[in-house]
């Protein structure tokens, strides 16, 4: 039994030994294979910069400078440490970066000397470096002693002088050809020099005039105004910016050393030249349907002064209110449609009036159209209704409704006249007169309706007791309008409407 066990032990030991030998051979072979493979070498550090070799910036409002750095190693920018006027952002990179945008900002140069700095871009373990020179121009020195604005040339012209002090090249120019300069330029080598410039003005046969002289040296510029006397022409602005919508008369002052004439953009405005220093203005009732701007201009009567003038402007409000379907057009006229109870009503009440309506060039009165001039809405307690009505195919009606204030007597009455659609579409003027009659002392009121077309005048007259008798506070809102019950497409245009008060 013992022999057998020893034999088995020996067999096991031999097996373990052989296995160890094999593993050793395998490890040795593997080591030989590894030793036969070379390791990869590390990449060399790289630094690239696209900056130019030099940059120049202005002394005043200098522009920024920018360039890019591309690197696989940390880098730095040096050389500006003692130049407080230069800021570099960023100035270094602690780690490698694929690309970085560099911005250089410079302060304004307060000196008359040029200044510069050399920047060096260097990367770790990189032999190549980049040098960038940054130069800032010197600040020019420019001092101009101008011709005082109060020292104007006379109308005859002549010469005056001013001085230029500069430490570099300079140039002077004039905005208008009537003034010339000599010399118009100069130069210096950096030292501050003084130059005398003669300004010569031509004779002035026109109005007072001004021009601008400009002197430039490097980044510096000086401007001043030169004046020359001449003829005067000035209309003085009145002490108001708006005229009442019902009109106004006033007088304007004129400062002129020549004879002049006046004109206005609103034909209805009357201008009267009272003297060479006074202009009388009569602005009438605004008969348009939009606010208007009144412009008055004076000009020399002689063409020898050239194209010169003086103007003033003021506004005037509209006199009417609108309801229903009314459209104010660009020229200030109004288009009244018949698809609604449309009306154009006076803002103020009135008693006796002449109402003149100028029709547009074209109307579209259809078969069922009605057109009214109407007055109602008097003061409280007084019932008044004055009506002038056109009803196609039926009549022209002049009607007075109401009651006499004291007696309570009805004063209703009407007269009818025939009218056709063609006559109505050809109408040029529609007029209503509500005036005291010839026997007004007995309370008679005279109503007159008239309209014209193709040179023909049609009218209707009614004389009745006045609804305004013994009522000093009574008055009406006069209005004109349109109504078409069947909505047949009726419309008409009114160019203007004058409402002229009539004295009692």
Protein backbone atom coordinates (compact mmCIF):
# COMPACT_ATOMS: atom_id res chain seq x y z
CA UNK A 1 0.00 0.00 0.00
CA UNK A 2 2.81 2.35 0.87
CA UNK A 3 4.61 1.67 -2.43
CA UNK A 4 1.54 2.44 -4.41
CA UNK A 5 1.00 5.79 -2.65
CA UNK A 6 4.57 6.88 -3.28
CA UNK A 7 4.23 6.08 -6.93
CA UNK A 8 1.07 8.15 -7.22
CA UNK A 9 2.70 11.10 -5.46
CA UNK A 10 5.63 11.00 -7.81
CA UNK A 11 3.32 10.96 -10.82
CA UNK A 12 1.46 14.04 -9.57
CA UNK A 13 4.68 15.93 -8.94
CA UNK A 14 5.94 15.14 -12.43
CA UNK A 15 2.68 16.48 -13.92
CA UNK A 16 2.92 19.75 -11.95
CA UNK A 17 6.54 20.20 -13.03
CA UNK A 18 5.71 19.73 -16.70
CA UNK A 19 2.86 22.21 -16.48
CA UNK A 20 5.15 24.79 -14.88
CA UNK A 21 7.71 24.28 -17.66
CA UNK A 22 5.04 24.86 -20.33
CA UNK A 23 3.77 28.05 -18.67
CA UNK A 24 7.33 29.33 -18.43
CA UNK A 25 7.92 28.68 -22.12
CA UNK A 26 4.68 30.44 -23.03
CA UNK A 27 5.55 33.53 -20.97
CA UNK A 28 8.99 33.68 -22.51
CA UNK A 29 7.49 33.47 -26.00
CA UNK A 30 5.02 36.19 -25.20
CA UNK A 31 7.79 38.38 -23.88
CA UNK A 32 9.71 37.89 -27.06
CA UNK A 33 6.70 39.01 -29.13
CA UNK A 34 6.17 42.18 -27.02
CA UNK A 35 9.84 43.01 -27.23
CA UNK A 36 9.63 42.83 -31.00
CA UNK A 37 6.88 45.69 -31.18
CA UNK A 38 8.12 49.40 -31.06
CA UNK A 39 6.02 51.86 -28.94
CA UNK A 40 4.37 54.92 -30.86
CA UNK A 41 6.27 58.24 -30.35
CA UNK A 42 4.28 61.28 -28.88
CA UNK A 43 3.19 64.15 -31.39
CA UNK A 44 5.30 67.35 -31.40
CA UNK A 45 3.62 70.47 -29.85
CA UNK A 46 2.13 72.84 -32.47
CA UNK A 47 1.41 76.62 -32.45
CA UNK A 48 -0.03 78.64 -35.35
CA UNK A 49 -1.03 82.34 -35.43
CA UNK A 50 -2.70 84.25 -38.30
CA UNK A 51 -1.74 87.73 -37.03
CA UNK A 52 -0.15 90.25 -39.41
CA UNK A 53 3.36 91.45 -38.71
CA UNK A 54 2.11 94.95 -37.89
CA UNK A 55 -1.07 96.92 -37.21
CA UNK A 56 -1.68 100.69 -37.04
CA UNK A 57 -4.61 102.20 -35.13
CA UNK A 58 -5.88 105.77 -34.90
CA UNK A 59 -5.21 108.13 -32.01
CA UNK A 60 -8.91 108.98 -31.56
CA UNK A 61 -11.55 106.23 -31.42
CA UNK A 62 -9.02 103.52 -32.33
CA UNK A 63 -10.36 100.36 -33.89
CA UNK A 64 -9.86 96.97 -32.22
CA UNK A 65 -7.32 94.47 -33.61
CA UNK A 66 -8.12 90.77 -33.72
CA UNK A 67 -6.42 87.54 -34.84
CA UNK A 68 -6.54 83.81 -34.04
CA UNK A 69 -4.20 81.31 -32.34
CA UNK A 70 -4.42 77.57 -32.93
CA UNK A 71 -2.27 75.38 -30.62
CA UNK A 72 -1.83 71.92 -29.07
CA UNK A 73 0.20 73.34 -26.20
CA UNK A 74 -0.26 76.17 -23.69
CA UNK A 75 0.81 79.59 -25.00
CA UNK A 76 1.35 83.19 -23.86
CA UNK A 77 1.36 86.71 -25.36
CA UNK A 78 3.95 89.06 -23.84
CA UNK A 79 5.56 92.41 -24.53
CA UNK A 80 2.74 94.75 -23.43
CA UNK A 81 3.22 94.51 -19.68
CA UNK A 82 4.49 98.09 -19.43
CA UNK A 83 2.06 99.51 -22.00
CA UNK A 84 -1.00 100.45 -19.97
CA UNK A 85 -2.78 101.67 -23.11
CA UNK A 86 -2.93 98.11 -24.54
CA UNK A 87 -5.30 95.36 -23.38
CA UNK A 88 -4.95 91.81 -24.80
CA UNK A 89 -7.77 89.32 -24.25
CA UNK A 90 -6.93 86.51 -23.64
CA UNK A 91 -3.17 86.88 -23.07
CA UNK A 92 -2.44 83.20 -22.32
CA UNK A 93 -3.80 79.69 -22.42
CA UNK A 94 -3.09 77.34 -19.47
CA UNK A 95 -3.99 74.32 -21.55
CA UNK A 96 -3.85 73.47 -25.18
CA UNK A 97 -6.76 74.70 -27.26
CA UNK A 98 -7.74 73.99 -30.79
CA UNK A 99 -8.37 77.70 -31.63
CA UNK A 100 -8.69 81.01 -29.75
CA UNK A 101 -9.73 84.48 -30.97
CA UNK A 102 -7.49 87.26 -29.63
CA UNK A 103 -8.76 90.85 -29.23
CA UNK A 104 -6.48 93.85 -28.71
CA UNK A 105 -8.08 97.06 -27.41
CA UNK A 106 -6.15 100.35 -27.32
CA UNK A 107 -6.95 103.54 -25.43
CA UNK A 108 -7.00 106.92 -27.20
CA UNK A 109 -3.59 108.53 -27.57
CA UNK A 110 -3.55 111.87 -25.70
CA UNK A 111 -0.02 112.74 -26.88
CA UNK A 112 1.29 114.32 -30.02
CA UNK A 113 3.86 111.53 -30.38
CA UNK A 114 3.38 108.15 -32.03
CA UNK A 115 3.64 105.10 -29.75
CA UNK A 116 4.06 101.37 -30.37
CA UNK A 117 4.51 97.99 -28.72
CA UNK A 118 5.76 94.58 -29.97
CA UNK A 119 3.78 91.55 -28.87
CA UNK A 120 5.36 88.07 -28.78
CA UNK A 121 3.28 84.92 -29.14
CA UNK A 122 5.09 81.80 -27.78
CA UNK A 123 4.00 78.25 -26.95
CA UNK A 124 5.49 75.72 -24.54
CA UNK A 125 8.06 73.40 -26.13
CA UNK A 126 7.62 75.20 -29.49
CA UNK A 127 10.62 76.87 -31.07
CA UNK A 128 8.61 79.05 -33.46
CA UNK A 129 7.44 82.44 -32.10
CA UNK A 130 5.35 85.22 -33.66
CA UNK A 131 6.02 88.96 -33.35
CA UNK A 132 3.20 91.48 -33.85
CA UNK A 133 3.94 95.22 -33.88
CA UNK A 134 1.09 97.49 -32.81
CA UNK A 135 1.50 101.22 -33.63
CA UNK A 136 -0.85 104.03 -32.60
CA UNK A 137 -0.83 107.33 -34.50
CA UNK A 138 -0.04 110.54 -32.68
CA UNK A 139 -2.81 112.90 -31.71
CA UNK A 140 -2.74 115.96 -33.90
CA UNK A 141 -2.75 119.42 -32.43
CA UNK A 142 -5.26 121.78 -34.08
CA UNK A 143 -6.29 125.19 -32.78
CA UNK A 144 -8.49 127.49 -34.90
CA UNK A 145 -9.26 131.12 -34.05
CA UNK A 146 -12.36 131.72 -36.23
CA UNK A 147 -14.02 134.81 -37.62
CA UNK A 148 -16.64 135.72 -34.98
CA UNK A 149 -20.22 135.11 -36.10
CA UNK A 150 -21.05 138.67 -35.09
CA UNK A 151 -18.34 140.01 -37.42
CA UNK A 152 -20.39 139.59 -40.58
CA UNK A 153 -19.20 140.60 -44.04
CA UNK A 154 -21.04 143.56 -45.48
CA UNK A 155 -23.20 143.15 -48.59
CA UNK A 156 -20.33 144.64 -50.61
CA UNK A 157 -18.08 141.70 -49.68
CA UNK A 158 -14.39 141.99 -48.75
CA UNK A 159 -11.73 140.07 -46.81
CA UNK A 160 -11.32 138.87 -43.24
CA UNK A 161 -8.76 136.51 -41.69
CA UNK A 162 -8.58 133.70 -39.16
CA UNK A 163 -5.68 131.61 -37.79
CA UNK A 164 -4.90 127.89 -37.86
CA UNK A 165 -2.36 126.32 -35.48
CA UNK A 166 -1.38 122.73 -36.29
CA UNK A 167 1.52 120.29 -35.85
CA UNK A 168 0.66 118.26 -38.93
CA UNK A 169 -0.95 118.66 -42.36
CA UNK A 170 -4.27 120.51 -42.38
CA UNK A 171 -6.88 121.47 -44.94
CA UNK A 172 -9.75 124.00 -44.91
CA UNK A 173 -12.91 123.98 -47.02
CA UNK A 174 -16.06 126.11 -47.44
CA UNK A 175 -19.63 124.87 -47.95
CA UNK A 176 -20.59 127.67 -50.42
CA UNK A 177 -18.71 129.15 -53.36
CA UNK A 178 -19.32 132.82 -52.45
CA UNK A 179 -16.51 132.56 -49.86
CA UNK A 180 -12.95 131.58 -50.81
CA UNK A 181 -9.89 130.79 -48.60
CA UNK A 182 -6.18 131.43 -49.11
CA UNK A 183 -4.21 129.38 -48.25
CA UNK A 184 -6.61 126.47 -47.97
CA UNK A 185 -4.02 124.01 -46.62
CA UNK A 186 -0.67 123.79 -44.84
CA UNK A 187 1.81 121.33 -43.30
CA UNK A 188 4.14 120.94 -40.30
CA UNK A 189 6.81 118.42 -39.31
CA UNK A 190 5.37 117.86 -35.85
CA UNK A 191 6.05 121.30 -34.45
CA UNK A 192 3.08 123.52 -33.70
CA UNK A 193 2.98 126.23 -36.39
CA UNK A 194 0.61 129.15 -36.91
CA UNK A 195 -0.98 129.97 -40.29
CA UNK A 196 -3.03 133.05 -41.27
CA UNK A 197 -5.91 132.28 -43.65
CA UNK A 198 -7.64 135.04 -45.63
CA UNK A 199 -11.37 134.58 -46.28
CA UNK A 200 -12.75 136.61 -49.21
CA UNK A 201 -16.50 137.14 -49.70
CA UNK A 202 -18.15 138.09 -52.98
CA UNK A 203 -20.68 140.94 -53.11
CA UNK A 204 -24.17 139.86 -52.01
CA UNK A 205 -27.15 141.17 -53.99
CA UNK A 206 -29.59 138.80 -52.27
CA UNK A 207 -30.66 138.11 -48.68
CA UNK A 208 -28.51 137.64 -45.58
CA UNK A 209 -26.55 134.42 -45.96
CA UNK A 210 -24.25 132.10 -44.02
CA UNK A 211 -21.76 129.37 -44.82
CA UNK A 212 -19.64 126.88 -42.88
CA UNK A 213 -15.82 126.75 -42.84
CA UNK A 214 -14.30 123.35 -41.94
CA UNK A 215 -10.65 122.81 -40.92
CA UNK A 216 -9.32 119.24 -40.64
CA UNK A 217 -5.95 118.05 -39.30
CA UNK A 218 -5.58 114.32 -38.81
CA UNK A 219 -8.43 113.15 -36.59
CA UNK A 220 -9.33 116.67 -35.46
CA UNK A 221 -11.97 118.85 -37.09
CA UNK A 222 -13.09 122.41 -36.32
CA UNK A 223 -16.12 124.09 -37.91
CA UNK A 224 -17.37 127.67 -37.66
CA UNK A 225 -19.98 129.85 -39.36
CA UNK A 226 -19.29 132.90 -41.49
CA UNK A 227 -22.14 135.41 -42.05
CA UNK A 228 -22.70 138.05 -44.71
CA UNK A 229 -25.30 140.79 -44.68
CA UNK A 230 -27.60 141.34 -47.62
CA UNK A 231 -31.14 142.39 -48.31
CA UNK A 232 -33.79 141.52 -45.69
CA UNK A 233 -37.09 139.75 -46.30
CA UNK A 234 -38.87 138.22 -43.33
CA UNK A 235 -42.51 137.70 -42.42
CA UNK A 236 -42.98 137.37 -38.68
CA UNK A 237 -44.88 134.43 -37.24
CA UNK A 238 -48.06 135.56 -35.42
CA UNK A 239 -48.46 134.87 -31.74
CA UNK A 240 -50.76 131.92 -32.39
CA UNK A 241 -50.49 128.55 -34.12
CA UNK A 242 -54.18 128.02 -34.85
CA UNK A 243 -56.98 130.21 -36.25
CA UNK A 244 -60.58 129.72 -35.16
CA UNK A 245 -62.55 127.50 -37.54
CA UNK A 246 -65.10 130.29 -38.14
CA UNK A 247 -62.36 132.64 -39.38
CA UNK A 248 -60.16 135.50 -38.23
CA UNK A 249 -58.78 138.84 -39.41
CA UNK A 250 -55.31 139.91 -38.28
CA UNK A 251 -52.18 141.77 -39.34
CA UNK A 252 -48.64 140.45 -39.90
CA UNK A 253 -45.39 142.39 -39.56
CA UNK A 254 -42.89 142.22 -42.42
CA UNK A 255 -39.21 143.17 -42.25
CA UNK A 256 -38.10 143.83 -45.82
CA UNK A 257 -35.60 146.08 -47.55
CA UNK A 258 -37.16 145.39 -50.95
CA UNK A 259 -40.59 145.48 -52.51
CA UNK A 260 -42.49 142.20 -52.07
CA UNK A 261 -45.70 140.38 -52.89
CA UNK A 262 -47.71 137.83 -50.87
CA UNK A 263 -49.47 134.59 -51.75
CA UNK A 264 -51.37 131.86 -49.90
CA UNK A 265 -51.96 128.17 -50.54
CA UNK A 266 -55.64 128.54 -49.55
CA UNK A 267 -57.41 130.58 -52.28
CA UNK A 268 -60.18 131.70 -49.94
CA UNK A 269 -57.72 133.57 -47.69
CA UNK A 270 -57.56 137.27 -48.56
CA UNK A 271 -54.18 139.06 -48.36
CA UNK A 272 -53.92 142.85 -48.46
CA UNK A 273 -50.57 144.64 -48.46
CA UNK A 274 -51.12 147.60 -46.15
CA UNK A 275 -47.51 148.85 -46.45
CA UNK A 276 -44.06 147.41 -47.05
CA UNK A 277 -44.02 146.41 -43.38
CA UNK A 278 -47.65 145.29 -42.89
CA UNK A 279 -49.80 142.51 -44.37
CA UNK A 280 -53.52 142.22 -43.56
CA UNK A 281 -54.90 138.68 -43.53
CA UNK A 282 -58.54 137.61 -43.63
CA UNK A 283 -59.00 133.88 -43.01
CA UNK A 284 -62.64 133.00 -43.71
CA UNK A 285 -64.82 130.18 -42.41
CA UNK A 286 -63.20 126.82 -43.15
CA UNK A 287 -65.59 125.57 -45.82
CA UNK A 288 -63.79 122.23 -46.23
CA UNK A 289 -64.49 119.08 -44.22
CA UNK A 290 -61.03 118.51 -42.79
CA UNK A 291 -58.64 120.76 -40.82
CA UNK A 292 -56.41 122.77 -43.12
CA UNK A 293 -52.94 124.25 -42.94
CA UNK A 294 -52.69 127.84 -44.14
CA UNK A 295 -49.28 128.88 -45.51
CA UNK A 296 -48.57 132.53 -46.34
CA UNK A 297 -45.42 133.34 -48.35
CA UNK A 298 -43.84 136.65 -49.34
CA UNK A 299 -41.43 136.99 -52.26
CA UNK A 300 -39.50 139.87 -53.87
CA UNK A 301 -41.33 141.49 -56.76
CA UNK A 302 -38.02 141.70 -58.64
CA UNK A 303 -36.31 138.55 -59.92
CA UNK A 304 -32.87 140.11 -59.36
CA UNK A 305 -32.87 138.81 -55.76
CA UNK A 306 -33.10 135.21 -56.90
CA UNK A 307 -35.47 132.55 -55.63
CA UNK A 308 -35.86 133.80 -52.06
CA UNK A 309 -38.94 133.91 -49.85
CA UNK A 310 -40.21 133.91 -46.26
CA UNK A 311 -43.19 131.88 -45.03
CA UNK A 312 -45.37 131.25 -41.99
CA UNK A 313 -47.92 128.51 -41.29
CA UNK A 314 -50.91 127.99 -38.99
CA UNK A 315 -53.84 125.58 -38.87
CA UNK A 316 -57.62 125.95 -38.93
CA UNK A 317 -60.03 123.36 -37.58
CA UNK A 318 -63.06 121.91 -39.39
CA UNK A 319 -66.57 123.34 -38.80
CA UNK A 320 -68.59 120.14 -39.15
CA UNK A 321 -69.38 116.85 -37.43
CA UNK A 322 -70.30 113.64 -39.26
CA UNK A 323 -72.74 110.82 -38.63
CA UNK A 324 -73.95 107.88 -40.69
CA UNK A 325 -71.95 106.96 -43.78
CA UNK A 326 -69.75 109.97 -44.60
CA UNK A 327 -66.24 109.82 -46.02
CA UNK A 328 -63.82 112.76 -45.93
CA UNK A 329 -61.65 112.65 -49.06
CA UNK A 330 -58.01 113.69 -49.49
CA UNK A 331 -58.86 117.06 -51.04
CA UNK A 332 -61.03 117.99 -48.02
CA UNK A 333 -64.36 117.27 -49.72
CA UNK A 334 -66.91 114.86 -48.24
CA UNK A 335 -68.70 111.92 -49.84
CA UNK A 336 -72.18 111.31 -48.42
CA UNK A 337 -73.78 107.90 -48.99
CA UNK A 338 -77.48 107.05 -49.13
CA UNK A 339 -77.24 103.68 -47.36
CA UNK A 340 -77.79 105.29 -43.98
CA UNK A 341 -79.29 108.42 -42.42
CA UNK A 342 -76.05 110.27 -43.18
CA UNK A 343 -75.53 113.89 -42.24
CA UNK A 344 -72.89 116.63 -42.06
CA UNK A 345 -73.79 118.98 -39.21
CA UNK A 346 -72.48 122.40 -38.14
CA UNK A 347 -70.66 122.35 -34.80
CA UNK A 348 -72.16 125.71 -33.76
CA UNK A 349 -75.75 126.93 -33.64
CA UNK A 350 -76.83 129.82 -35.86
CA UNK A 351 -80.00 131.81 -36.52
CA UNK A 352 -80.21 133.52 -39.91
CA UNK A 353 -77.73 132.29 -42.51
CA UNK A 354 -76.77 131.97 -46.15
CA UNK A 355 -75.75 128.32 -46.69
CA UNK A 356 -73.91 127.62 -49.94
CA UNK A 357 -73.08 124.00 -50.86
CA UNK A 358 -70.71 123.45 -53.79
CA UNK A 359 -71.25 120.01 -55.31
CA UNK A 360 -68.49 117.75 -56.57
CA UNK A 361 -67.86 117.02 -60.23
CA UNK A 362 -69.88 113.81 -60.09
CA UNK A 363 -72.89 112.53 -58.16
CA UNK A 364 -74.84 109.27 -58.22
CA UNK A 365 -78.39 110.09 -57.21
CA UNK A 366 -80.55 107.00 -57.86
CA UNK A 367 -84.30 106.55 -58.19
CA UNK A 368 -85.21 106.78 -54.52
CA UNK A 369 -82.72 109.39 -53.32
CA UNK A 370 -83.57 112.19 -50.94
CA UNK A 371 -81.27 115.11 -50.13
CA UNK A 372 -81.91 117.51 -47.26
CA UNK A 373 -80.75 120.76 -45.86
CA UNK A 374 -82.18 120.81 -42.41
CA UNK A 375 -82.12 122.87 -39.22
CA UNK A 376 -83.27 121.71 -35.81
CA UNK A 377 -81.96 121.10 -32.29
CA UNK A 378 -82.52 124.62 -31.03
CA UNK A 379 -82.18 125.76 -27.45
CA UNK A 380 -84.27 124.00 -24.87
CA UNK A 381 -87.94 124.97 -24.95
CA UNK A 382 -87.91 126.30 -28.52
CA UNK A 383 -89.19 123.96 -31.22
CA UNK A 384 -87.73 124.79 -34.61
CA UNK A 385 -87.54 122.77 -37.81
CA UNK A 386 -86.52 124.27 -41.14
CA UNK A 387 -86.38 121.86 -44.05
CA UNK A 388 -85.38 122.04 -47.68
CA UNK A 389 -85.86 118.60 -49.17
CA UNK A 390 -85.29 117.11 -52.60
CA UNK A 391 -87.30 113.94 -53.17
CA UNK A 392 -86.79 112.56 -56.66
CA UNK A 393 -89.82 112.07 -58.84
CA UNK A 394 -92.00 113.90 -56.34
CA UNK A 395 -91.00 117.38 -55.25
CA UNK A 396 -88.65 120.00 -54.05
CA UNK A 397 -89.98 120.97 -50.66
CA UNK A 398 -89.39 124.12 -48.66
CA UNK A 399 -90.92 123.64 -45.25
CA UNK A 400 -90.99 125.49 -41.96
CA UNK A 401 -92.16 123.65 -38.84
CA UNK A 402 -92.51 124.91 -35.29
CA UNK A 403 -94.49 127.19 -33.09
CA UNK A 404 -94.15 130.87 -32.41
CA UNK A 405 -92.48 131.16 -29.01
CA UNK A 406 -94.98 133.58 -27.46
CA UNK A 407 -98.34 132.84 -29.01
CA UNK A 408 -97.75 129.15 -29.61
CA UNK A 409 -99.13 129.60 -33.13
CA UNK A 410 -98.05 126.91 -35.58
CA UNK A 411 -95.95 128.21 -38.42
CA UNK A 412 -95.93 125.06 -40.51
CA UNK A 413 -96.03 125.62 -44.25
CA UNK A 414 -94.48 124.13 -47.39
CA UNK A 415 -94.21 124.53 -51.15
CA UNK A 416 -93.49 121.71 -53.59
CA UNK A 417 -91.73 121.81 -56.98
CA UNK A 418 -90.94 118.96 -59.39
CA UNK A 419 -87.33 117.80 -60.09
CA UNK A 420 -85.78 114.96 -62.12
CA UNK A 421 -82.85 112.68 -61.40
CA UNK A 422 -80.83 114.13 -64.30
CA UNK A 423 -81.33 117.63 -62.95
CA UNK A 424 -80.17 116.57 -59.52
CA UNK A 425 -77.05 114.75 -60.79
CA UNK A 426 -76.16 117.85 -62.80
CA UNK A 427 -76.51 120.14 -59.77
CA UNK A 428 -73.48 122.39 -59.15
CA UNK A 429 -74.68 124.49 -56.24
CA UNK A 430 -77.29 123.99 -53.53
CA UNK A 431 -78.19 127.13 -51.60
CA UNK A 432 -80.49 127.83 -48.69
CA UNK A 433 -81.14 131.30 -47.29
CA UNK A 434 -82.79 131.60 -43.91
CA UNK A 435 -82.97 135.36 -43.44
CA UNK A 436 -85.17 138.00 -41.89
CA UNK A 437 -87.83 139.13 -44.35
CA UNK A 438 -88.43 142.67 -45.57
CA UNK A 439 -91.16 142.99 -42.97
CA UNK A 440 -89.04 141.51 -40.23
CA UNK A 441 -90.30 144.00 -37.67
CA UNK A 442 -93.58 142.10 -37.80
CA UNK A 443 -91.85 138.76 -37.34
CA UNK A 444 -91.64 137.62 -40.95
CA UNK A 445 -89.02 135.00 -41.91
CA UNK A 446 -87.85 134.53 -45.48
CA UNK A 447 -86.80 131.06 -46.68
CA UNK A 448 -85.24 130.72 -50.10
CA UNK A 449 -84.08 127.40 -51.59
CA UNK A 450 -82.26 127.41 -54.91
CA UNK A 451 -79.97 125.15 -56.89
CA UNK A 452 -78.24 125.41 -60.26
CA UNK A 453 -77.43 122.84 -62.95
CA UNK A 454 -76.11 123.39 -66.46
CA UNK A 455 -76.50 127.12 -66.04
CA UNK A 456 -80.16 126.84 -65.00
CA UNK A 457 -81.29 128.18 -61.63
CA UNK A 458 -84.26 126.67 -59.83
CA UNK A 459 -85.62 128.15 -56.63
CA UNK A 460 -88.45 127.99 -54.14
CA UNK A 461 -89.38 130.76 -51.70
CA UNK A 462 -91.43 130.81 -48.53
CA UNK A 463 -92.25 133.83 -46.34
CA UNK A 464 -93.75 133.04 -42.95
CA UNK A 465 -93.65 134.34 -39.38
CA UNK A 466 -90.18 133.87 -37.94
CA UNK A 467 -89.59 130.99 -35.55
CA UNK A 468 -86.83 133.14 -34.04
CA UNK A 469 -89.13 136.05 -33.18
CA UNK A 470 -88.62 137.27 -29.65
CA UNK A 471 -86.13 134.44 -28.90
CA UNK A 472 -82.68 136.05 -28.69
CA UNK A 473 -81.07 132.81 -27.44
CA UNK A 474 -82.56 130.47 -30.03
CA UNK A 475 -80.48 129.00 -32.82
CA UNK A 476 -80.21 125.85 -34.92
CA UNK A 477 -77.63 123.28 -35.91
CA UNK A 478 -77.83 123.42 -39.70
CA UNK A 479 -76.90 120.28 -41.59
CA UNK A 480 -77.16 118.59 -44.95
CA UNK A 481 -77.56 114.88 -45.50
CA UNK A 482 -78.87 111.99 -47.52
CA UNK A 483 -81.34 109.20 -46.99
CA UNK A 484 -82.47 106.39 -49.29
CA UNK A 485 -85.01 104.00 -47.85
CA UNK A 486 -84.30 101.30 -50.42
CA UNK A 487 -80.49 101.53 -50.20
CA UNK A 488 -80.25 102.01 -53.97
CA UNK A 489 -76.60 103.06 -54.18
CA UNK A 490 -77.05 106.81 -53.95
CA UNK A 491 -74.05 108.98 -53.08
CA UNK A 492 -72.86 112.50 -53.75
CA UNK A 493 -69.77 114.61 -53.11
CA UNK A 494 -69.71 118.11 -51.61
CA UNK A 495 -66.54 120.13 -52.29
CA UNK A 496 -67.27 122.91 -49.82
CA UNK A 497 -69.97 124.38 -47.62
CA UNK A 498 -70.09 128.04 -46.57
CA UNK A 499 -72.40 129.11 -43.76
CA UNK A 500 -72.51 132.89 -43.65
CA UNK A 501 -74.30 134.49 -40.69
CA UNK A 502 -76.87 137.13 -41.57
CA UNK A 503 -77.29 140.09 -39.27
CA UNK A 504 -80.72 140.75 -37.80
